[in-house]
């Protein structure tokens, strides 16, 4: 979901099975308890505002998310909310409507950085050597 105030990425969380790596913290080596329900990650880049503005955007998002708890989906979904500069001046009910719309959007499956609908790129220039307008010279110097 994208608006001028925020971008929300919605991803289905991997299901943890007994003995899988998903439910353990590899860095510390100890098991972590499984978190049920949605999780939210808030991001505001430095180019959006200064530190005070970025913190204000995060505070507004946290406040609105806690107020919207009855509307949270019950599935194990991860939400990444990327705040934009317009969020500083937007009315709370407009941001609330954006968040409700994001809660109703379907989660993506798999890695969001990998696009399945595109063919892989073929190196620099995009084509193969036959399609380029190049002339080959005879290495022996003959015609």
C-alpha atoms as a PDB file:
ATOM      1  CA  UNK A   1       0.000   0.000   0.000  1.00  0.00           C
ATOM      2  CA  UNK A   2       1.409   3.370  -0.954  1.00  0.00           C
ATOM      3  CA  UNK A   3       0.281   6.923  -0.326  1.00  0.00           C
ATOM      4  CA  UNK A   4       2.013  10.285  -0.175  1.00  0.00           C
ATOM      5  CA  UNK A   5       2.193   9.915   3.622  1.00  0.00           C
ATOM      6  CA  UNK A   6       3.501   6.357   3.921  1.00  0.00           C
ATOM      7  CA  UNK A   7       4.373   3.090   2.275  1.00  0.00           C
ATOM      8  CA  UNK A   8       3.255  -0.103   3.984  1.00  0.00           C
ATOM      9  CA  UNK A   9       4.766  -3.448   3.079  1.00  0.00           C
ATOM     10  CA  UNK A  10       2.711  -6.440   4.217  1.00  0.00           C
ATOM     11  CA  UNK A  11       4.382  -9.847   4.351  1.00  0.00           C
ATOM     12  CA  UNK A  12       3.183 -13.219   5.588  1.00  0.00           C
ATOM     13  CA  UNK A  13       5.447 -14.506   8.339  1.00  0.00           C
ATOM     14  CA  UNK A  14       7.032 -17.940   7.956  1.00  0.00           C
ATOM     15  CA  UNK A  15       5.408 -20.624  10.053  1.00  0.00           C
ATOM     16  CA  UNK A  16       7.734 -21.975  12.717  1.00  0.00           C
ATOM     17  CA  UNK A  17       7.869 -25.731  13.061  1.00  0.00           C
ATOM     18  CA  UNK A  18       9.425 -27.726  15.845  1.00  0.00           C
ATOM     19  CA  UNK A  19      13.199 -27.714  15.491  1.00  0.00           C
ATOM     20  CA  UNK A  20      13.301 -25.038  12.778  1.00  0.00           C
ATOM     21  CA  UNK A  21      15.592 -22.014  12.703  1.00  0.00           C
ATOM     22  CA  UNK A  22      12.647 -19.589  12.650  1.00  0.00           C
ATOM     23  CA  UNK A  23      11.924 -19.932  16.371  1.00  0.00           C
ATOM     24  CA  UNK A  24      15.495 -19.634  17.645  1.00  0.00           C
ATOM     25  CA  UNK A  25      17.854 -16.726  17.983  1.00  0.00           C
ATOM     26  CA  UNK A  26      21.034 -17.830  16.210  1.00  0.00           C
ATOM     27  CA  UNK A  27      23.152 -14.975  17.566  1.00  0.00           C
ATOM     28  CA  UNK A  28      22.602 -15.844  21.223  1.00  0.00           C
ATOM     29  CA  UNK A  29      21.895 -19.549  20.728  1.00  0.00           C
ATOM     30  CA  UNK A  30      18.780 -19.476  22.896  1.00  0.00           C
ATOM     31  CA  UNK A  31      15.213 -20.102  21.849  1.00  0.00           C
ATOM     32  CA  UNK A  32      12.831 -17.178  21.627  1.00  0.00           C
ATOM     33  CA  UNK A  33       9.133 -17.463  22.312  1.00  0.00           C
ATOM     34  CA  UNK A  34       6.949 -17.458  19.260  1.00  0.00           C
ATOM     35  CA  UNK A  35       5.116 -14.165  18.719  1.00  0.00           C
ATOM     36  CA  UNK A  36       1.531 -14.621  17.527  1.00  0.00           C
ATOM     37  CA  UNK A  37      -0.404 -11.962  15.646  1.00  0.00           C
ATOM     38  CA  UNK A  38       0.865  -9.010  13.625  1.00  0.00           C
ATOM     39  CA  UNK A  39       4.227  -7.313  14.103  1.00  0.00           C
ATOM     40  CA  UNK A  40       4.982  -3.726  13.088  1.00  0.00           C
ATOM     41  CA  UNK A  41       8.250  -2.176  12.000  1.00  0.00           C
ATOM     42  CA  UNK A  42       8.431   1.621  11.753  1.00  0.00           C
ATOM     43  CA  UNK A  43      10.979   3.287   9.484  1.00  0.00           C
ATOM     44  CA  UNK A  44      11.611   6.947   8.751  1.00  0.00           C
ATOM     45  CA  UNK A  45      14.661   7.814   6.648  1.00  0.00           C
ATOM     46  CA  UNK A  46      17.017  10.696   7.359  1.00  0.00           C
ATOM     47  CA  UNK A  47      16.038  12.510   4.184  1.00  0.00           C
ATOM     48  CA  UNK A  48      12.448  12.734   5.475  1.00  0.00           C
ATOM     49  CA  UNK A  49      13.119  15.151   8.338  1.00  0.00           C
ATOM     50  CA  UNK A  50      15.559  15.998  11.086  1.00  0.00           C
ATOM     51  CA  UNK A  51      15.711  13.854  14.245  1.00  0.00           C
ATOM     52  CA  UNK A  52      12.860  15.702  15.936  1.00  0.00           C
ATOM     53  CA  UNK A  53      10.606  15.264  12.893  1.00  0.00           C
ATOM     54  CA  UNK A  54      11.488  11.588  12.479  1.00  0.00           C
ATOM     55  CA  UNK A  55      10.730  10.893  16.146  1.00  0.00           C
ATOM     56  CA  UNK A  56       7.436  12.805  15.886  1.00  0.00           C
ATOM     57  CA  UNK A  57       6.410  10.643  12.904  1.00  0.00           C
ATOM     58  CA  UNK A  58       7.274   7.453  14.814  1.00  0.00           C
ATOM     59  CA  UNK A  59       5.372   8.664  17.916  1.00  0.00           C
ATOM     60  CA  UNK A  60       2.296   9.466  15.817  1.00  0.00           C
ATOM     61  CA  UNK A  61       2.438   6.036  14.177  1.00  0.00           C
ATOM     62  CA  UNK A  62       2.840   4.211  17.505  1.00  0.00           C
ATOM     63  CA  UNK A  63      -0.085   6.150  18.988  1.00  0.00           C
ATOM     64  CA  UNK A  64      -2.346   5.467  16.032  1.00  0.00           C
ATOM     65  CA  UNK A  65      -1.367   1.787  15.926  1.00  0.00           C
ATOM     66  CA  UNK A  66      -2.265   1.330  19.591  1.00  0.00           C
ATOM     67  CA  UNK A  67      -5.590   3.126  19.008  1.00  0.00           C
ATOM     68  CA  UNK A  68      -6.317   0.843  16.025  1.00  0.00           C
ATOM     69  CA  UNK A  69      -5.599  -2.405  17.883  1.00  0.00           C
ATOM     70  CA  UNK A  70      -9.196  -3.687  17.419  1.00  0.00           C
ATOM     71  CA  UNK A  71      -8.673  -3.459  13.633  1.00  0.00           C
ATOM     72  CA  UNK A  72      -5.405  -5.438  13.586  1.00  0.00           C
ATOM     73  CA  UNK A  73      -5.549  -8.671  11.569  1.00  0.00           C
ATOM     74  CA  UNK A  74      -5.299 -11.831  13.663  1.00  0.00           C
ATOM     75  CA  UNK A  75      -2.890 -13.591  11.266  1.00  0.00           C
ATOM     76  CA  UNK A  76       0.891 -13.798  11.695  1.00  0.00           C
ATOM     77  CA  UNK A  77       1.720 -10.874   9.412  1.00  0.00           C
ATOM     78  CA  UNK A  78       4.642  -8.452   9.400  1.00  0.00           C
ATOM     79  CA  UNK A  79       3.938  -4.812   8.541  1.00  0.00           C
ATOM     80  CA  UNK A  80       6.783  -2.451   7.628  1.00  0.00           C
ATOM     81  CA  UNK A  81       5.559   1.136   7.695  1.00  0.00           C
ATOM     82  CA  UNK A  82       7.791   3.701   5.995  1.00  0.00           C
ATOM     83  CA  UNK A  83       6.829   7.205   7.097  1.00  0.00           C
ATOM     84  CA  UNK A  84       7.048  10.169   4.702  1.00  0.00           C
ATOM     85  CA  UNK A  85       7.427  13.902   5.379  1.00  0.00           C
ATOM     86  CA  UNK A  86       3.726  14.601   4.725  1.00  0.00           C
ATOM     87  CA  UNK A  87       2.911  12.607   7.842  1.00  0.00           C
ATOM     88  CA  UNK A  88       4.120  15.545   9.957  1.00  0.00           C
ATOM     89  CA  UNK A  89       1.274  17.771   8.760  1.00  0.00           C
ATOM     90  CA  UNK A  90      -1.428  15.201   7.939  1.00  0.00           C
ATOM     91  CA  UNK A  91      -4.507  14.927  10.118  1.00  0.00           C
ATOM     92  CA  UNK A  92      -4.705  11.870  12.371  1.00  0.00           C
ATOM     93  CA  UNK A  93      -7.926  10.591  10.782  1.00  0.00           C
ATOM     94  CA  UNK A  94      -6.284  10.582   7.315  1.00  0.00           C
ATOM     95  CA  UNK A  95      -3.317   8.551   8.615  1.00  0.00           C
ATOM     96  CA  UNK A  96      -5.763   6.283  10.443  1.00  0.00           C
ATOM     97  CA  UNK A  97      -7.647   5.628   7.191  1.00  0.00           C
ATOM     98  CA  UNK A  98      -4.343   4.788   5.449  1.00  0.00           C
ATOM     99  CA  UNK A  99      -3.450   2.302   8.195  1.00  0.00           C
ATOM    100  CA  UNK A 100      -6.897   0.661   8.069  1.00  0.00           C
ATOM    101  CA  UNK A 101      -6.517   0.273   4.307  1.00  0.00           C
ATOM    102  CA  UNK A 102      -3.089  -1.322   4.837  1.00  0.00           C
ATOM    103  CA  UNK A 103      -4.554  -3.773   7.372  1.00  0.00           C
ATOM    104  CA  UNK A 104      -7.031  -4.979   4.760  1.00  0.00           C
ATOM    105  CA  UNK A 105      -4.449  -5.474   1.988  1.00  0.00           C
ATOM    106  CA  UNK A 106      -3.373  -9.063   1.320  1.00  0.00           C
ATOM    107  CA  UNK A 107       0.129 -10.084   2.445  1.00  0.00           C
ATOM    108  CA  UNK A 108       2.867 -10.857  -0.063  1.00  0.00           C
ATOM    109  CA  UNK A 109       4.264 -14.348  -0.249  1.00  0.00           C
ATOM    110  CA  UNK A 110       8.007 -14.982  -0.305  1.00  0.00           C
ATOM    111  CA  UNK A 111      10.832 -12.496  -0.551  1.00  0.00           C
ATOM    112  CA  UNK A 112       9.503  -9.023  -1.496  1.00  0.00           C
ATOM    113  CA  UNK A 113      12.786  -8.127  -3.221  1.00  0.00           C
ATOM    114  CA  UNK A 114      12.541 -10.969  -5.774  1.00  0.00           C
ATOM    115  CA  UNK A 115      10.177 -10.305  -8.666  1.00  0.00           C
ATOM    116  CA  UNK A 116       8.767 -13.497 -10.210  1.00  0.00           C
ATOM    117  CA  UNK A 117       7.058 -11.728 -13.120  1.00  0.00           C
ATOM    118  CA  UNK A 118      10.237 -10.398 -14.768  1.00  0.00           C
ATOM    119  CA  UNK A 119      12.831 -12.189 -16.837  1.00  0.00           C
ATOM    120  CA  UNK A 120      16.383 -11.927 -15.440  1.00  0.00           C
ATOM    121  CA  UNK A 121      18.568  -9.163 -16.818  1.00  0.00           C
ATOM    122  CA  UNK A 122      21.266 -10.163 -19.290  1.00  0.00           C
ATOM    123  CA  UNK A 123      24.288  -8.153 -18.278  1.00  0.00           C
ATOM    124  CA  UNK A 124      25.171  -4.638 -19.238  1.00  0.00           C
ATOM    125  CA  UNK A 125      23.279  -3.186 -22.181  1.00  0.00           C
ATOM    126  CA  UNK A 126      20.361  -5.605 -22.021  1.00  0.00           C
ATOM    127  CA  UNK A 127      20.969  -7.578 -25.234  1.00  0.00           C
ATOM    128  CA  UNK A 128      23.297 -10.190 -26.590  1.00  0.00           C
ATOM    129  CA  UNK A 129      26.351  -9.593 -28.822  1.00  0.00           C
ATOM    130  CA  UNK A 130      24.482 -10.470 -32.049  1.00  0.00           C
ATOM    131  CA  UNK A 131      21.992  -7.664 -31.621  1.00  0.00           C
ATOM    132  CA  UNK A 132      24.634  -4.975 -31.143  1.00  0.00           C
ATOM    133  CA  UNK A 133      25.771  -2.959 -34.139  1.00  0.00           C
ATOM    134  CA  UNK A 134      29.419  -4.003 -34.132  1.00  0.00           C
ATOM    135  CA  UNK A 135      31.735  -4.825 -36.971  1.00  0.00           C
ATOM    136  CA  UNK A 136      34.234  -7.608 -36.696  1.00  0.00           C
ATOM    137  CA  UNK A 137      37.586  -7.226 -38.428  1.00  0.00           C
ATOM    138  CA  UNK A 138      39.576 -10.067 -39.898  1.00  0.00           C
ATOM    139  CA  UNK A 139      42.527 -10.662 -37.514  1.00  0.00           C
ATOM    140  CA  UNK A 140      44.758 -11.683 -40.436  1.00  0.00           C
ATOM    141  CA  UNK A 141      44.381  -8.301 -42.109  1.00  0.00           C
ATOM    142  CA  UNK A 142      42.856  -9.737 -45.290  1.00  0.00           C
ATOM    143  CA  UNK A 143      39.581  -8.697 -46.843  1.00  0.00           C
END
